[in-house]
Amino acid sequence: MAEGNKKFTIQNLFNVEDWVVVITGGATGIGLMMAQAFANNGARVYITSRRQEALETAAKTWGTSLAHPKGKIIPIQADITEKPSIENLVKQVSQKEKYVDVLVNNAGISVGSSSVEKGHESAEELAKELFSEEQKNWEDVYRTNVIGYFFTTVAFLPLLSAASKARPGHTAAVINNTSMSGITRTTQHHYKYNVSKGAAIHLNTLLAQELRRPGVKVRVNSVAPGIFPSEMTTNESDETNKSQIPVDESYGEKKGIPAGRPGREEDMAQLVLAMAVNEYLYGQTIALDGGYLLEHP
């Protein structure tokens, strides 16, 4: 009876000790939150970024004082918009690991915004505002937020599939960081970003459908965050690669967030660990938004 109860302990339910995790865009923001969640619980976490300095800061600041003795944060420079760079990333990981338990597609960008309120003035003013958007910016956002996720996932498939062979009954997981911006009907002043995240959510569904096949056995799910502190939401990070969002009593009402605050690091850590270890979870997109979508459906 004692053994039957033991499986319900937190340590057993969320055990990622000795797991191998790869997180793109893992040096700052939400990616770093995820990296810390896994590494502080005993996983070897490979974080990527195009910026070598950001990688080194993350590894030095947070990887040298982890709560678990087996945890590691290992930096590898990579650009998910370039297939040769993705191939090099897979090669570097495969030289050290026989399999990957979790791939988190997290790297993402948002470029520019538009004053959609011009539609209150006239069709001509709105057309002028929106047509002035740079086509290249649309292409860059889509290349990172959608195409990069696709090619990174398929490049890691052999290592992900190998995890199920290494431990019978275990399935590796792909976790795509999408966004509640891909769900809400509001443009939030940035069409291109919201469209890319909507596409990423559908890509998540398609990958989940195909990668469940018996020759692959990889689960695919998506977390769709609301407002969390990151370089995307604050335009900066401090000397420890962390970002801050000032909050007062009116924050929740102004932003339309029932929780009354931005997301915390612990909020993200709790969900990403659950998505990684829950091997009955397939093809889902979970909005972690503090209730934002209730106010902005």
Protein backbone atom coordinates (compact mmCIF):
# COMPACT_ATOMS: atom_id res chain seq x y z
CA MET A 1 0.00 0.00 0.00
CA ALA A 2 2.89 2.35 0.77
CA GLU A 3 4.27 1.89 -2.74
CA GLY A 4 0.84 2.64 -4.19
CA ASN A 5 0.82 5.96 -2.36
CA LYS A 6 4.43 6.84 -3.14
CA LYS A 7 3.73 7.34 -6.84
CA PHE A 8 1.55 10.32 -5.97
CA THR A 9 4.36 12.33 -4.40
CA ILE A 10 5.57 15.47 -6.16
CA GLN A 11 9.02 13.94 -6.59
CA ASN A 12 7.62 11.01 -8.56
CA LEU A 13 4.92 12.87 -10.44
CA PHE A 14 7.31 15.50 -11.80
CA ASN A 15 10.61 13.64 -11.91
CA VAL A 16 12.85 14.91 -14.74
CA GLU A 17 16.15 13.91 -13.18
CA ASP A 18 18.71 12.92 -15.84
CA TRP A 19 16.38 14.02 -18.64
CA VAL A 20 17.84 15.74 -21.70
CA VAL A 21 16.10 18.96 -22.73
CA VAL A 22 16.72 21.34 -25.63
CA ILE A 23 15.21 24.84 -25.48
CA THR A 24 15.54 27.27 -28.38
CA GLY A 25 15.70 30.90 -27.33
CA GLY A 26 16.54 29.66 -23.84
CA ALA A 27 18.86 32.46 -22.74
CA THR A 28 16.21 35.03 -21.80
CA GLY A 29 12.52 35.48 -21.03
CA ILE A 30 10.17 32.51 -21.06
CA GLY A 31 12.85 30.23 -22.49
CA LEU A 32 15.12 30.89 -19.52
CA MET A 33 12.21 30.28 -17.13
CA MET A 34 11.70 26.89 -18.75
CA ALA A 35 15.42 26.10 -18.66
CA GLN A 36 15.56 26.84 -14.95
CA ALA A 37 12.49 24.70 -14.32
CA PHE A 38 14.11 21.64 -15.85
CA ALA A 39 17.71 22.22 -14.70
CA ASN A 40 16.77 22.87 -11.08
CA ASN A 41 15.08 19.48 -11.08
CA GLY A 42 18.04 17.54 -12.38
CA ALA A 43 17.82 17.76 -16.19
CA ARG A 44 20.63 18.55 -18.59
CA VAL A 45 19.32 21.54 -20.49
CA TYR A 46 20.80 22.76 -23.76
CA ILE A 47 19.80 26.37 -24.41
CA THR A 48 20.20 28.10 -27.76
CA SER A 49 20.28 31.68 -28.97
CA ARG A 50 21.75 33.64 -31.83
CA ARG A 51 23.49 35.81 -29.21
CA GLN A 52 26.55 34.17 -27.68
CA GLU A 53 26.83 36.79 -24.94
CA ALA A 54 23.26 36.14 -23.77
CA LEU A 55 23.96 32.40 -23.66
CA GLU A 56 27.11 32.84 -21.62
CA THR A 57 25.34 35.17 -19.17
CA ALA A 58 22.47 32.71 -18.67
CA ALA A 59 24.78 29.73 -18.14
CA LYS A 60 27.10 31.61 -15.78
CA THR A 61 24.40 33.39 -13.78
CA TRP A 62 21.85 30.61 -13.40
CA GLY A 63 23.65 27.40 -14.33
CA THR A 64 26.28 27.60 -11.61
CA SER A 65 23.92 27.72 -8.62
CA LEU A 66 21.27 25.11 -9.47
CA ALA A 67 19.18 23.52 -6.73
CA HIS A 68 19.76 19.99 -8.07
CA PRO A 69 23.30 18.57 -8.25
CA LYS A 70 22.63 16.79 -11.56
CA GLY A 71 21.14 19.81 -13.29
CA LYS A 72 23.04 21.62 -16.02
CA ILE A 73 22.49 24.57 -18.34
CA ILE A 74 24.59 24.13 -21.48
CA PRO A 75 24.76 26.93 -24.08
CA ILE A 76 24.93 26.31 -27.84
CA GLN A 77 24.75 29.14 -30.35
CA ALA A 78 22.18 28.46 -33.06
CA ASP A 79 19.82 30.24 -35.45
CA ILE A 80 16.59 28.34 -36.10
CA THR A 81 15.92 30.35 -39.27
CA GLU A 82 18.89 28.66 -40.98
CA LYS A 83 18.77 24.93 -41.73
CA PRO A 84 22.57 24.46 -41.56
CA SER A 85 22.54 26.02 -38.08
CA ILE A 86 19.74 23.66 -36.99
CA GLU A 87 21.71 20.70 -38.35
CA ASN A 88 24.78 21.85 -36.43
CA LEU A 89 22.72 22.14 -33.25
CA VAL A 90 21.46 18.57 -33.61
CA LYS A 91 25.00 17.39 -34.33
CA GLN A 92 26.40 19.07 -31.22
CA VAL A 93 23.69 17.62 -28.99
CA SER A 94 24.04 14.13 -30.53
CA GLN A 95 27.77 14.16 -29.79
CA LYS A 96 26.95 14.38 -26.08
CA GLU A 97 23.57 12.65 -25.79
CA LYS A 98 22.00 9.45 -27.11
CA TYR A 99 18.49 10.88 -27.02
CA VAL A 100 16.44 13.99 -26.20
CA ASP A 101 13.46 13.79 -23.83
CA VAL A 102 12.05 17.27 -24.44
CA LEU A 103 12.41 19.77 -27.26
CA VAL A 104 10.98 23.20 -26.52
CA ASN A 105 10.49 25.38 -29.59
CA ASN A 106 10.54 28.73 -27.86
CA ALA A 107 12.60 31.17 -29.96
CA GLY A 108 10.35 33.84 -31.42
CA ILE A 109 10.26 37.43 -32.62
CA SER A 110 7.78 40.26 -33.03
CA VAL A 111 8.58 43.17 -35.33
CA GLY A 112 6.68 46.44 -35.43
CA SER A 113 3.08 47.41 -34.80
CA SER A 114 0.27 49.30 -36.52
CA SER A 115 -2.30 51.80 -35.34
CA VAL A 116 -5.42 49.80 -36.13
CA GLU A 117 -7.46 52.63 -34.61
CA LYS A 118 -7.06 54.37 -37.99
CA GLY A 119 -10.15 52.37 -38.92
CA HIS A 120 -12.18 54.82 -36.86
CA GLU A 121 -11.15 57.58 -39.23
CA SER A 122 -11.65 56.06 -42.67
CA ALA A 123 -10.95 53.08 -44.87
CA GLU A 124 -8.32 55.15 -46.66
CA GLU A 125 -6.41 55.91 -43.44
CA LEU A 126 -6.49 52.29 -42.28
CA ALA A 127 -5.39 51.05 -45.69
CA LYS A 128 -2.50 53.52 -45.69
CA GLU A 129 -1.43 52.45 -42.21
CA LEU A 130 -1.52 48.72 -42.87
CA PHE A 131 -0.10 48.81 -46.39
CA SER A 132 2.93 50.67 -45.04
CA GLU A 133 4.01 47.56 -43.14
CA GLU A 134 7.22 46.04 -44.47
CA GLN A 135 6.67 42.74 -46.26
CA LYS A 136 10.09 41.56 -45.11
CA ASN A 137 9.01 41.94 -41.49
CA TRP A 138 6.09 39.60 -42.13
CA GLU A 139 8.46 37.10 -43.71
CA ASP A 140 11.00 37.35 -40.88
CA VAL A 141 8.37 36.80 -38.18
CA TYR A 142 6.86 33.83 -40.00
CA ARG A 143 10.31 32.37 -40.71
CA THR A 144 11.18 32.31 -37.00
CA ASN A 145 7.82 31.65 -35.34
CA VAL A 146 6.54 28.96 -37.70
CA ILE A 147 9.08 27.68 -40.20
CA GLY A 148 11.83 27.53 -37.58
CA TYR A 149 9.63 25.43 -35.32
CA PHE A 150 8.92 22.99 -38.15
CA PHE A 151 12.50 22.38 -39.23
CA THR A 152 13.87 22.26 -35.68
CA THR A 153 11.29 19.64 -34.72
CA VAL A 154 11.86 17.37 -37.70
CA ALA A 155 15.65 17.66 -37.37
CA PHE A 156 15.46 16.40 -33.78
CA LEU A 157 13.04 13.54 -34.53
CA PRO A 158 15.64 10.73 -34.43
CA LEU A 159 16.95 11.89 -31.04
CA LEU A 160 13.42 12.39 -29.70
CA SER A 161 12.25 9.00 -30.92
CA ALA A 162 15.33 7.39 -29.38
CA ALA A 163 14.09 8.42 -25.93
CA SER A 164 11.23 5.92 -26.12
CA LYS A 165 13.63 3.17 -27.08
CA ALA A 166 15.96 4.03 -24.21
CA ARG A 167 13.21 3.81 -21.59
CA PRO A 168 10.26 1.50 -22.39
CA GLY A 169 6.91 3.17 -21.81
CA HIS A 170 8.45 6.63 -22.03
CA THR A 171 7.67 9.05 -24.85
CA ALA A 172 9.62 12.19 -25.66
CA ALA A 173 7.80 15.50 -25.90
CA VAL A 174 7.86 18.51 -28.16
CA ILE A 175 6.52 21.63 -26.46
CA ASN A 176 5.81 24.56 -28.77
CA ASN A 177 5.68 28.00 -27.20
CA THR A 178 2.88 29.67 -29.16
CA SER A 179 0.81 32.48 -27.66
CA MET A 180 -2.66 33.55 -26.64
CA SER A 181 -2.09 36.09 -29.44
CA GLY A 182 -2.71 33.21 -31.83
CA ILE A 183 -6.12 32.60 -30.24
CA THR A 184 -7.62 36.03 -29.48
CA ARG A 185 -9.66 37.82 -32.14
CA THR A 186 -7.99 41.14 -31.32
CA THR A 187 -4.99 42.19 -33.41
CA GLN A 188 -3.17 43.70 -30.40
CA HIS A 189 -1.70 46.13 -32.97
CA HIS A 190 0.51 43.47 -34.54
CA TYR A 191 -1.16 41.43 -37.26
CA LYS A 192 2.01 39.64 -38.33
CA TYR A 193 2.83 38.27 -34.88
CA ASN A 194 -0.72 37.09 -34.16
CA VAL A 195 -1.01 35.43 -37.56
CA SER A 196 2.31 33.64 -37.03
CA LYS A 197 1.20 32.36 -33.64
CA GLY A 198 -2.11 31.18 -35.06
CA ALA A 199 -0.11 29.27 -37.66
CA ALA A 200 2.17 27.87 -34.96
CA ILE A 201 -0.85 26.55 -33.07
CA HIS A 202 -2.10 24.78 -36.19
CA LEU A 203 1.41 23.47 -36.86
CA ASN A 204 1.34 22.07 -33.33
CA THR A 205 -1.84 20.17 -34.16
CA LEU A 206 -0.44 18.79 -37.41
CA LEU A 207 2.83 17.71 -35.82
CA ALA A 208 0.94 16.03 -32.99
CA GLN A 209 -1.11 14.09 -35.52
CA GLU A 210 1.88 12.84 -37.51
CA LEU A 211 4.52 12.31 -34.83
CA ARG A 212 2.29 9.98 -32.80
CA ARG A 213 2.90 7.30 -35.47
CA PRO A 214 4.35 4.03 -34.12
CA GLY A 215 7.69 4.51 -35.87
CA VAL A 216 8.18 7.86 -34.13
CA LYS A 217 6.25 7.92 -30.83
CA VAL A 218 6.73 11.58 -29.97
CA ARG A 219 4.09 13.69 -28.21
CA VAL A 220 3.50 17.29 -29.31
CA ASN A 221 1.76 19.98 -27.27
CA SER A 222 1.74 23.75 -27.03
CA VAL A 223 1.75 26.33 -24.26
CA ALA A 224 0.10 29.61 -25.27
CA PRO A 225 1.35 32.22 -22.79
CA GLY A 226 -0.30 35.49 -21.99
CA ILE A 227 1.78 38.45 -20.81
CA PHE A 228 5.03 37.32 -19.18
CA PRO A 229 8.13 39.44 -18.53
CA SER A 230 10.53 39.02 -21.45
CA GLU A 231 12.49 41.08 -23.93
CA MET A 232 9.48 40.88 -26.24
CA THR A 233 7.13 42.50 -23.72
CA THR A 234 9.57 44.92 -22.07
CA ASN A 235 12.17 45.45 -24.85
CA GLU A 236 15.02 44.73 -22.45
CA SER A 237 16.53 42.45 -19.85
CA ASP A 238 18.87 43.14 -16.95
CA GLU A 239 22.40 41.90 -16.25
CA THR A 240 20.97 38.50 -15.23
CA ASN A 241 18.94 38.13 -18.46
CA LYS A 242 15.68 38.79 -16.59
CA SER A 243 12.93 41.26 -17.50
CA GLN A 244 10.50 43.11 -15.23
CA ILE A 245 6.96 44.41 -15.76
CA PRO A 246 5.90 47.15 -13.31
CA VAL A 247 2.53 46.37 -11.74
CA ASP A 248 0.15 48.49 -9.70
CA GLU A 249 -3.38 47.87 -8.43
CA SER A 250 -4.91 48.97 -11.72
CA TYR A 251 -2.79 46.65 -13.90
CA GLY A 252 -5.34 43.86 -14.22
CA GLU A 253 -8.19 46.18 -15.14
CA LYS A 254 -6.12 48.15 -17.66
CA LYS A 255 -4.84 45.02 -19.38
CA GLY A 256 -8.02 43.00 -19.04
CA ILE A 257 -6.40 40.23 -17.00
CA PRO A 258 -8.58 38.71 -14.25
CA ALA A 259 -5.45 37.48 -12.42
CA GLY A 260 -4.48 41.12 -11.99
CA ARG A 261 -0.83 40.59 -12.90
CA PRO A 262 1.57 39.31 -15.54
CA GLY A 263 2.64 35.69 -15.45
CA ARG A 264 5.31 34.64 -12.97
CA GLU A 265 8.27 32.36 -13.55
CA GLU A 266 6.68 29.75 -11.29
CA ASP A 267 3.50 29.77 -13.38
CA MET A 268 5.46 28.87 -16.49
CA ALA A 269 7.63 26.32 -14.69
CA GLN A 270 4.64 24.46 -13.27
CA LEU A 271 2.96 24.07 -16.64
CA VAL A 272 6.00 23.19 -18.74
CA LEU A 273 7.04 20.47 -16.28
CA ALA A 274 3.52 19.05 -16.32
CA MET A 275 3.42 19.03 -20.11
CA ALA A 276 6.78 17.26 -20.22
CA VAL A 277 6.00 14.48 -17.76
CA ASN A 278 2.32 13.85 -18.48
CA GLU A 279 2.57 11.13 -21.10
CA TYR A 280 -1.20 11.05 -21.68
CA LEU A 281 -1.19 14.58 -23.10
CA TYR A 282 -1.31 14.73 -26.91
CA GLY A 283 -2.00 17.55 -29.35
CA GLN A 284 -3.15 20.17 -26.87
CA THR A 285 -2.69 23.94 -26.72
CA ILE A 286 -2.99 25.23 -23.16
CA ALA A 287 -3.45 28.97 -22.67
CA LEU A 288 -1.52 30.23 -19.64
CA ASP A 289 -2.88 33.74 -19.72
CA GLY A 290 -4.25 34.76 -16.33
CA GLY A 291 -7.73 34.86 -17.86
CA TYR A 292 -6.82 37.27 -20.68
CA LEU A 293 -8.82 35.34 -23.27
CA LEU A 294 -11.95 35.60 -21.13
CA GLU A 295 -11.75 39.37 -21.57
CA HIS A 296 -10.42 39.24 -25.15
CA PRO A 297 -12.01 36.15 -26.80
